[in-house]
Amino acid sequence: MLDAKFLEDISARISALIAKTPAADLEKNLRALLTAQLAKLDLVTREEFDIQKELLARAQARLAELEAKLAALEGQNPK
């Protein structure tokens, strides 16, 4: 059977080798470039989106209530 410590040691060595290659630098540069480009976009977080979605649902429900009240009031007062 393979020893867990042996596997951890191999994993650590592979990670160290990859960190020393140009691939690690390339990944860091691409990540920084992507982050910079996304920062330029007018995006919102999921939390902000969910809050606005909830506010819109409440506003629509309130509007429906007010429309129903208005219709009832207009029905009571014939012109």
Protein backbone atom coordinates (compact mmCIF):
# COMPACT_ATOMS: atom_id res chain seq x y z
CA MET A 1 0.00 0.00 0.00
CA LEU A 2 1.09 3.56 -0.58
CA ASP A 3 1.82 5.63 2.46
CA ALA A 4 -0.15 8.89 2.81
CA LYS A 5 3.02 10.75 3.76
CA PHE A 6 4.70 9.49 0.59
CA LEU A 7 1.80 10.75 -1.54
CA GLU A 8 1.84 14.13 0.22
CA ASP A 9 5.59 14.38 -0.38
CA ILE A 10 5.20 13.59 -4.08
CA SER A 11 2.35 16.11 -4.37
CA ALA A 12 4.43 18.80 -2.65
CA ARG A 13 7.39 18.12 -4.96
CA ILE A 14 5.22 18.31 -8.07
CA SER A 15 3.64 21.55 -6.87
CA ALA A 16 7.11 22.99 -6.20
CA LEU A 17 8.28 22.02 -9.69
CA ILE A 18 5.24 23.55 -11.34
CA ALA A 19 5.67 26.74 -9.32
CA LYS A 20 9.18 27.12 -10.76
CA THR A 21 8.08 26.78 -14.40
CA PRO A 22 6.90 29.57 -16.69
CA ALA A 23 3.42 28.03 -16.51
CA ALA A 24 2.99 29.40 -12.98
CA ASP A 25 3.94 32.89 -14.14
CA LEU A 26 1.62 32.57 -17.10
CA GLU A 27 -1.25 31.57 -14.83
CA LYS A 28 -0.59 34.51 -12.51
CA ASN A 29 -0.43 36.94 -15.43
CA LEU A 30 -3.60 35.59 -17.00
CA ARG A 31 -5.41 35.77 -13.68
CA ALA A 32 -4.32 39.40 -13.20
CA LEU A 33 -5.35 40.27 -16.76
CA LEU A 34 -8.74 38.63 -16.36
CA THR A 35 -9.30 40.35 -13.02
CA ALA A 36 -8.43 43.73 -14.54
CA GLN A 37 -10.77 43.20 -17.50
CA LEU A 38 -13.65 42.06 -15.29
CA ALA A 39 -13.14 45.10 -13.05
CA LYS A 40 -13.79 47.34 -16.07
CA LEU A 41 -17.20 45.77 -16.63
CA ASP A 42 -20.26 47.07 -14.85
CA LEU A 43 -20.99 43.88 -12.90
CA VAL A 44 -22.75 43.27 -9.60
CA THR A 45 -22.20 40.54 -7.08
CA ARG A 46 -24.68 37.71 -6.72
CA GLU A 47 -25.66 39.11 -3.32
CA GLU A 48 -26.45 42.53 -4.79
CA PHE A 49 -28.42 40.90 -7.61
CA ASP A 50 -30.48 38.82 -5.18
CA ILE A 51 -31.25 41.89 -3.05
CA GLN A 52 -32.43 43.86 -6.09
CA LYS A 53 -34.48 40.89 -7.28
CA GLU A 54 -36.22 40.71 -3.89
CA LEU A 55 -36.88 44.47 -3.86
CA LEU A 56 -38.37 44.26 -7.35
CA ALA A 57 -40.65 41.38 -6.33
CA ARG A 58 -41.87 43.36 -3.32
CA ALA A 59 -42.47 46.46 -5.45
CA GLN A 60 -44.43 44.43 -8.00
CA ALA A 61 -46.55 42.88 -5.24
CA ARG A 62 -47.24 46.32 -3.74
CA LEU A 63 -48.13 47.70 -7.16
CA ALA A 64 -50.60 44.87 -7.70
CA GLU A 65 -52.19 45.64 -4.29
CA LEU A 66 -52.49 49.34 -5.12
CA GLU A 67 -53.95 48.61 -8.56
CA ALA A 68 -56.56 46.34 -6.97
CA LYS A 69 -57.45 49.04 -4.41
CA LEU A 70 -57.70 51.65 -7.15
CA ALA A 71 -59.93 49.42 -9.22
CA ALA A 72 -62.15 48.84 -6.17
CA LEU A 73 -62.34 52.56 -5.46
CA GLU A 74 -63.15 53.36 -9.08
CA GLY A 75 -65.91 50.73 -8.97
CA GLN A 76 -67.47 52.39 -5.90
CA ASN A 77 -67.57 55.87 -7.42
CA PRO A 78 -69.47 55.77 -10.70
CA LYS A 79 -68.79 58.75 -12.91
